[in-house]
Protein backbone atom coordinates (compact mmCIF):
# COMPACT_ATOMS: atom_id res chain seq x y z
CA MET A 1 -123.99 -26.98 -72.80
CA GLU A 2 -121.44 -24.35 -71.80
CA MET A 3 -119.70 -24.67 -75.17
CA SER A 4 -123.05 -24.20 -76.95
CA ASN A 5 -123.71 -21.00 -74.99
CA VAL A 6 -120.26 -19.68 -75.80
CA THR A 7 -120.79 -20.39 -79.49
CA LEU A 8 -124.30 -18.95 -79.43
CA PHE A 9 -123.27 -15.64 -77.88
CA ASP A 10 -119.91 -15.36 -79.64
CA PRO A 11 -120.00 -11.97 -81.43
CA ARG A 12 -118.22 -13.54 -84.41
CA CYS A 13 -121.38 -15.60 -85.06
CA ARG A 14 -123.21 -12.38 -85.92
CA GLU A 15 -120.53 -11.05 -88.26
CA GLY A 16 -120.20 -11.66 -91.98
CA ALA A 17 -118.11 -14.30 -93.72
CA PRO A 18 -114.51 -14.53 -92.45
CA TYR A 19 -111.53 -13.19 -94.34
CA SER A 20 -109.09 -15.61 -95.99
CA ILE A 21 -106.39 -14.90 -93.42
CA ASP A 22 -108.81 -15.83 -90.61
CA VAL A 23 -109.56 -19.14 -92.34
CA ILE A 24 -105.87 -19.93 -92.77
CA MET A 25 -104.94 -18.98 -89.20
CA GLN A 26 -107.59 -21.23 -87.61
CA LEU A 27 -106.66 -24.35 -89.59
CA ASP A 28 -105.34 -27.25 -87.54
CA ILE A 29 -103.49 -30.27 -88.94
CA PHE A 30 -106.70 -31.94 -90.06
CA GLY A 31 -107.94 -28.70 -91.63
CA ILE A 32 -104.67 -28.20 -93.51
CA VAL A 33 -104.78 -31.75 -94.88
CA LEU A 34 -108.47 -31.44 -95.79
CA PHE A 35 -108.08 -28.11 -97.57
CA SER A 36 -104.95 -29.35 -99.35
CA VAL A 37 -106.63 -32.54 -100.60
CA LEU A 38 -109.71 -30.65 -101.79
CA THR A 39 -107.57 -28.05 -103.53
CA LEU A 40 -105.65 -30.86 -105.23
CA MET A 41 -108.93 -32.45 -106.37
CA ALA A 42 -110.13 -29.15 -107.86
CA THR A 43 -106.77 -28.63 -109.58
CA VAL A 44 -106.76 -32.15 -111.02
CA SER A 45 -110.32 -31.65 -112.25
CA MET A 46 -109.29 -28.54 -114.16
CA LEU A 47 -106.14 -30.20 -115.54
CA VAL A 48 -108.22 -33.17 -116.75
CA PHE A 49 -110.60 -30.73 -118.41
CA ILE A 50 -107.75 -28.87 -120.14
CA GLU A 51 -106.31 -32.17 -121.40
CA GLU A 52 -109.79 -33.16 -122.58
CA CYS A 53 -110.12 -29.87 -124.46
CA ILE A 54 -106.87 -30.58 -126.29
CA TYR A 55 -108.09 -34.06 -127.22
CA ILE A 56 -111.48 -32.73 -128.39
CA TYR A 57 -109.80 -30.03 -130.47
CA LYS A 58 -107.67 -32.62 -132.26
CA LYS A 59 -110.05 -35.58 -132.59
CA VAL A 60 -113.67 -34.40 -132.61
CA PRO A 61 -115.47 -33.05 -135.74
CA PRO A 62 -115.75 -29.24 -135.84
CA ASN A 63 -119.53 -29.10 -135.36
CA LYS A 64 -119.23 -30.85 -131.98
CA LYS A 65 -116.07 -29.31 -130.55
CA SER A 66 -117.60 -26.25 -128.89
CA VAL A 67 -120.65 -27.96 -127.37
CA ILE A 68 -118.66 -30.90 -125.97
CA ILE A 69 -116.12 -28.55 -124.40
CA TRP A 70 -118.92 -26.53 -122.78
CA VAL A 71 -120.71 -29.63 -121.47
CA THR A 72 -117.61 -31.40 -120.15
CA GLY A 73 -116.50 -28.18 -118.44
CA ALA A 74 -119.48 -28.06 -116.07
CA ALA A 75 -118.01 -30.22 -113.29
CA PRO A 76 -114.43 -28.77 -113.41
CA VAL A 77 -115.71 -25.19 -113.40
CA ILE A 78 -118.02 -25.83 -110.44
CA ALA A 79 -115.19 -27.61 -108.58
CA THR A 80 -112.80 -24.72 -109.23
CA MET A 81 -115.32 -22.07 -108.17
CA SER A 82 -116.12 -24.07 -105.03
CA CYS A 83 -112.41 -24.26 -104.21
CA LEU A 84 -112.04 -20.49 -104.60
CA GLY A 85 -115.08 -19.94 -102.39
CA MET A 86 -113.65 -22.32 -99.80
CA TRP A 87 -110.42 -20.33 -99.53
CA VAL A 88 -112.08 -16.90 -99.92
CA PRO A 89 -115.44 -17.12 -98.10
CA ARG A 90 -116.31 -13.48 -98.76
CA ALA A 91 -116.27 -14.22 -102.51
CA THR A 92 -118.83 -17.04 -102.22
CA MET A 93 -121.64 -15.03 -103.78
CA PHE A 94 -119.55 -14.38 -106.89
CA THR A 95 -118.22 -17.93 -107.20
CA ASP A 96 -121.75 -19.34 -106.85
CA MET A 97 -123.06 -16.93 -109.45
CA THR A 98 -120.26 -17.87 -111.83
CA SER A 99 -120.98 -21.59 -111.44
CA ALA A 100 -124.73 -21.11 -111.86
CA THR A 101 -124.31 -18.91 -114.94
CA TYR A 102 -121.95 -21.41 -116.55
CA PHE A 103 -124.35 -24.27 -115.91
CA ALA A 104 -127.22 -22.24 -117.39
CA ILE A 105 -125.22 -22.16 -120.63
CA VAL A 106 -124.50 -25.89 -120.30
CA VAL A 107 -128.25 -26.65 -120.21
CA PHE A 108 -128.62 -25.04 -123.65
CA LYS A 109 -125.40 -26.60 -124.97
CA PHE A 110 -126.51 -30.10 -123.95
CA LEU A 111 -129.65 -29.70 -126.04
CA ILE A 112 -127.50 -28.62 -129.00
CA LEU A 113 -125.17 -31.57 -128.37
CA MET A 114 -128.00 -34.08 -128.75
CA ILE A 115 -129.04 -32.46 -132.04
CA GLU A 116 -125.45 -32.38 -133.33
CA GLU A 117 -124.95 -36.05 -132.45
CA VAL A 118 -127.80 -36.84 -134.84
CA GLY A 119 -126.09 -34.75 -137.53
CA GLY A 120 -127.40 -31.23 -137.04
CA ASP A 121 -130.77 -29.57 -137.60
CA ASN A 122 -131.32 -30.77 -141.16
CA ALA A 123 -130.32 -34.36 -140.43
CA PHE A 124 -132.47 -34.38 -137.29
CA LEU A 125 -135.52 -33.10 -139.18
CA LYS A 126 -134.93 -35.65 -141.96
CA ARG A 127 -134.68 -38.56 -139.52
CA SER A 128 -137.68 -37.33 -137.54
CA GLU A 129 -139.95 -36.75 -140.52
CA ASN A 130 -143.56 -37.68 -139.73
CA LYS A 131 -142.66 -38.13 -136.06
CA SER A 132 -143.60 -36.06 -133.02
CA PHE A 133 -142.26 -34.83 -129.68
CA LYS A 134 -143.71 -36.27 -126.49
CA ILE A 135 -144.14 -33.20 -124.30
CA SER A 136 -145.71 -34.96 -121.30
CA THR A 137 -142.36 -35.27 -119.57
CA GLY A 138 -140.56 -33.66 -116.65
CA PRO A 139 -140.00 -31.31 -115.05
CA CYS A 140 -143.10 -29.41 -116.24
CA CYS A 141 -145.66 -31.88 -117.53
CA CYS A 142 -144.70 -35.35 -116.28
CA CYS A 143 -148.10 -35.55 -114.55
CA CYS A 144 -150.04 -34.70 -117.73
CA PRO A 145 -149.97 -37.84 -119.93
CA CYS A 146 -153.08 -36.58 -121.75
CA LEU A 147 -151.10 -33.82 -123.49
CA PRO A 148 -150.97 -34.36 -127.27
CA ASN A 149 -147.70 -35.01 -129.05
CA VAL A 150 -146.26 -32.11 -131.05
CA PRO A 151 -145.22 -32.72 -134.68
CA ILE A 152 -141.50 -32.29 -135.29
CA THR A 153 -140.97 -29.31 -137.56
CA ARG A 154 -138.35 -26.64 -137.91
CA LYS A 155 -140.59 -24.33 -135.88
CA SER A 156 -141.04 -26.76 -132.98
CA LEU A 157 -137.29 -27.44 -132.96
CA PHE A 158 -136.64 -23.68 -132.78
CA ILE A 159 -139.08 -23.34 -129.86
CA LEU A 160 -137.21 -26.08 -127.96
CA LYS A 161 -133.92 -24.26 -128.52
CA LEU A 162 -135.46 -20.97 -127.48
CA GLY A 163 -136.84 -22.55 -124.30
CA SER A 164 -133.34 -23.52 -123.17
CA TYR A 165 -131.57 -20.44 -124.53
CA GLN A 166 -133.75 -18.07 -122.50
CA PHE A 167 -132.29 -19.51 -119.29
CA ALA A 168 -128.70 -18.91 -120.38
CA LEU A 169 -129.49 -15.33 -121.38
CA LEU A 170 -131.76 -14.36 -118.48
CA LYS A 171 -129.51 -16.00 -115.89
CA LEU A 172 -126.62 -13.84 -117.10
CA ILE A 173 -128.78 -10.71 -117.02
CA LEU A 174 -130.08 -11.45 -113.51
CA THR A 175 -126.54 -12.21 -112.30
CA ILE A 176 -125.33 -8.83 -113.54
CA LEU A 177 -128.39 -7.18 -111.96
CA SER A 178 -127.68 -8.91 -108.64
CA ILE A 179 -124.07 -7.68 -108.63
CA VAL A 180 -125.18 -4.12 -109.44
CA LEU A 181 -127.74 -4.19 -106.61
CA TRP A 182 -125.15 -5.68 -104.26
CA THR A 183 -122.71 -2.84 -104.93
CA ASN A 184 -125.54 -0.45 -104.05
CA GLY A 185 -126.21 -2.33 -100.81
CA SER A 186 -129.67 -3.42 -101.97
CA TYR A 187 -128.99 -7.13 -102.53
CA ASN A 188 -128.37 -9.66 -99.79
CA VAL A 189 -128.51 -13.41 -100.44
CA ALA A 190 -129.72 -14.08 -96.89
CA ASP A 191 -132.59 -11.58 -97.18
CA VAL A 192 -135.65 -13.67 -98.07
CA SER A 193 -138.25 -11.05 -97.19
CA ALA A 194 -140.81 -10.00 -99.78
CA ASN A 195 -139.38 -6.47 -99.74
CA GLY A 196 -135.90 -7.59 -100.81
CA PRO A 197 -134.88 -8.29 -104.42
CA SER A 198 -133.16 -11.58 -103.56
CA ILE A 199 -136.35 -13.64 -103.16
CA TRP A 200 -137.81 -12.33 -106.42
CA ILE A 201 -134.63 -12.87 -108.40
CA ASN A 202 -134.21 -16.41 -107.04
CA CYS A 203 -137.85 -17.31 -107.72
CA SER A 204 -137.52 -16.01 -111.28
CA ILE A 205 -134.38 -18.07 -111.78
CA GLY A 206 -136.23 -21.14 -110.48
CA VAL A 207 -139.02 -20.66 -113.03
CA PHE A 208 -136.56 -20.06 -115.87
CA THR A 209 -134.65 -23.19 -114.84
CA ILE A 210 -137.72 -25.42 -114.98
CA ILE A 211 -138.71 -23.99 -118.36
CA ALA A 212 -135.17 -24.58 -119.70
CA LEU A 213 -134.93 -28.17 -118.45
CA TRP A 214 -138.20 -29.15 -120.13
CA PRO A 215 -136.96 -28.90 -123.78
CA VAL A 216 -133.81 -30.87 -122.87
CA ALA A 217 -135.93 -33.66 -121.37
CA ILE A 218 -138.23 -33.68 -124.42
CA MET A 219 -135.29 -33.96 -126.79
CA PHE A 220 -133.62 -36.68 -124.72
CA MET A 221 -136.78 -38.79 -124.68
CA HIS A 222 -136.90 -38.52 -128.46
CA VAL A 223 -133.26 -39.34 -129.31
CA ARG A 224 -132.17 -41.64 -126.48
CA GLU A 225 -132.68 -44.85 -128.49
CA ALA A 226 -131.07 -43.49 -131.64
CA LEU A 227 -128.03 -42.29 -129.65
CA ARG A 228 -127.76 -45.27 -127.31
CA THR A 229 -124.52 -46.40 -129.00
CA LEU A 230 -123.05 -42.95 -128.27
CA LYS A 231 -123.67 -43.42 -124.52
CA MET A 232 -126.21 -40.60 -124.47
CA ILE A 233 -128.10 -42.09 -121.52
CA PRO A 234 -125.11 -42.04 -119.11
CA LYS A 235 -124.14 -38.60 -120.46
CA TYR A 236 -127.62 -37.34 -119.66
CA ALA A 237 -127.37 -38.96 -116.22
CA MET A 238 -124.13 -37.05 -115.52
CA TYR A 239 -125.75 -33.82 -116.69
CA GLN A 240 -128.70 -34.42 -114.35
CA LEU A 241 -126.37 -35.32 -111.49
CA VAL A 242 -124.46 -32.06 -111.86
CA LEU A 243 -127.78 -30.22 -111.86
CA ILE A 244 -129.04 -31.93 -108.68
CA LEU A 245 -125.79 -31.58 -106.76
CA SER A 246 -124.94 -28.02 -107.76
CA GLN A 247 -128.47 -26.62 -107.46
CA LEU A 248 -130.69 -28.74 -105.22
CA GLN A 249 -128.07 -29.96 -102.74
CA THR A 250 -126.61 -26.48 -102.38
CA ALA A 251 -130.06 -24.93 -101.90
CA ILE A 252 -130.98 -27.43 -99.16
CA ILE A 253 -127.73 -26.83 -97.25
CA ASN A 254 -128.10 -23.05 -97.56
CA ILE A 255 -131.68 -23.17 -96.27
CA LEU A 256 -130.58 -25.23 -93.27
CA ALA A 257 -127.79 -22.73 -92.61
CA MET A 258 -130.08 -19.70 -92.80
CA ASN A 259 -132.51 -21.38 -90.40
CA GLY A 260 -129.69 -21.91 -87.90
CA THR A 261 -129.83 -25.71 -88.17
CA ILE A 262 -126.13 -25.70 -89.02
CA ALA A 263 -124.37 -24.34 -85.94
CA CYS A 264 -122.00 -21.41 -85.97
CA ALA A 265 -118.33 -22.34 -85.58
CA PRO A 266 -116.16 -19.18 -85.34
CA PRO A 267 -114.73 -17.72 -87.46
CA TYR A 268 -117.53 -19.16 -89.61
CA THR A 269 -121.06 -17.90 -89.11
CA SER A 270 -123.90 -20.39 -89.53
CA GLN A 271 -124.45 -19.31 -93.14
CA SER A 272 -120.74 -19.27 -93.97
CA ARG A 273 -120.33 -22.75 -92.50
CA GLY A 274 -123.22 -23.96 -94.65
CA TYR A 275 -121.48 -22.55 -97.72
CA LEU A 276 -118.25 -24.26 -96.65
CA MET A 277 -119.94 -27.66 -96.30
CA SER A 278 -121.59 -27.26 -99.69
CA GLN A 279 -118.31 -26.25 -101.36
CA GLN A 280 -116.36 -29.15 -99.86
CA LEU A 281 -119.01 -31.65 -100.94
CA LEU A 282 -119.15 -30.19 -104.44
CA ILE A 283 -115.39 -30.41 -104.92
CA VAL A 284 -115.39 -34.14 -104.16
CA GLU A 285 -118.54 -34.81 -106.20
CA MET A 286 -117.43 -32.78 -109.22
CA PHE A 287 -114.01 -34.44 -109.13
CA ILE A 288 -115.65 -37.86 -109.49
CA ILE A 289 -118.03 -36.61 -112.19
CA THR A 290 -115.10 -35.10 -114.10
CA LEU A 291 -113.36 -38.47 -114.26
CA VAL A 292 -116.56 -40.27 -115.33
CA THR A 293 -117.29 -37.58 -117.93
CA ARG A 294 -113.80 -37.99 -119.37
CA ILE A 295 -114.47 -41.70 -119.95
CA LEU A 296 -117.82 -40.99 -121.62
CA TYR A 297 -116.64 -38.25 -123.97
CA ARG A 298 -113.07 -39.32 -124.73
CA ARG A 299 -113.77 -41.11 -127.98
CA GLN A 300 -114.26 -40.12 -131.59
CA TYR A 301 -117.73 -40.95 -132.79
CA ASP A 302 -118.65 -42.36 -136.17
CA PRO A 303 -121.80 -40.86 -137.69
CA ILE A 304 -124.95 -42.71 -136.67
CA PRO A 305 -126.45 -44.71 -139.56
CA ASP A 306 -128.90 -42.94 -141.83
CA LEU A 307 -132.47 -44.20 -141.90
CA ASP A 308 -132.11 -45.20 -145.57
CA ASP A 309 -128.99 -47.17 -144.72
CA ASP A 310 -130.84 -48.91 -141.89
CA ILE A 311 -133.70 -49.87 -144.23
CA GLU A 312 -131.31 -51.06 -146.94
CA GLU A 313 -129.31 -53.10 -144.42
CA THR A 314 -132.53 -54.68 -143.11
CA LYS A 315 -133.59 -55.62 -146.64
CA THR A 316 -130.18 -57.15 -147.33
CA VAL A 317 -130.35 -59.23 -144.15
CA LEU A 318 -133.87 -60.45 -144.96
CA THR A 319 -132.89 -61.32 -148.56
CA SER A 320 -129.85 -63.25 -147.37
CA LYS A 321 -132.01 -65.11 -144.87
CA LYS A 322 -134.49 -66.10 -147.59
CA VAL A 323 -131.69 -67.37 -149.83
CA VAL A 324 -130.32 -69.47 -146.98
CA ASP A 325 -133.80 -70.87 -146.23
CA ILE A 326 -134.35 -71.81 -149.92
CA ALA A 327 -130.95 -73.47 -150.11
């Protein structure tokens, strides 16, 4: 009880995030080992990503190089930014913004990846002729099964792309706006009052995120069977896992920290300690996801069979079967 009172009334619990030198000076043996191991994990994640980029550049067709590099870079970039934020707590706002902005681009790139795996826009439209998109899916309309399917046309495909692209663009704009307001002293992440810009910017980002995830889910539901041999389902699972861990998990921990549920531990304030916990968890999680992602993407894909080829192959098999039955 005495220790709790000391921590509660410690003036350092009412200060801002600690400086890097304060973090280093308070590390004990366990802290040194922990920070060293986490830094090593983040470094290995980035080295694996760089090696993967070299492999993709040499082995993957040109139309897929850029999107695969963007998508596979999500976990290493988040791990690296979390490591920087762990060592430099006062830079956490910038490292979080960098990670979130990068992942906003990844959401759009993953949609493009699924289209490119089919063969591009023209090949996708050819294969999907006379078919339709099922739009009653998450995160927007999973509870509305009565919604009609939308015919697949060049216009509907463009709208799906636009729905994901808006998040990448607007997230970047809002990030720049947040930094400008912060330099003016008008933006504070911890200020959730209706008079502060933080709550409005974060709510806008939440809406843009949901809108952007919807087209990706619609496209995945449409192509998952066609791209099953390309391991699209586990790739989508990794993409969703990065989303949940980097956005939802971090938001929950930050809310608990701002409410004081996570205790202050000088030199860390309650909020800074929440950021630290989130960063340490993300480094370990993104390290594992980086290794799994490397296994999923480190292969050169053959083009998926054309519909005409599938029909011709089916006819050949049926003809051969008939000949065998007659014989």
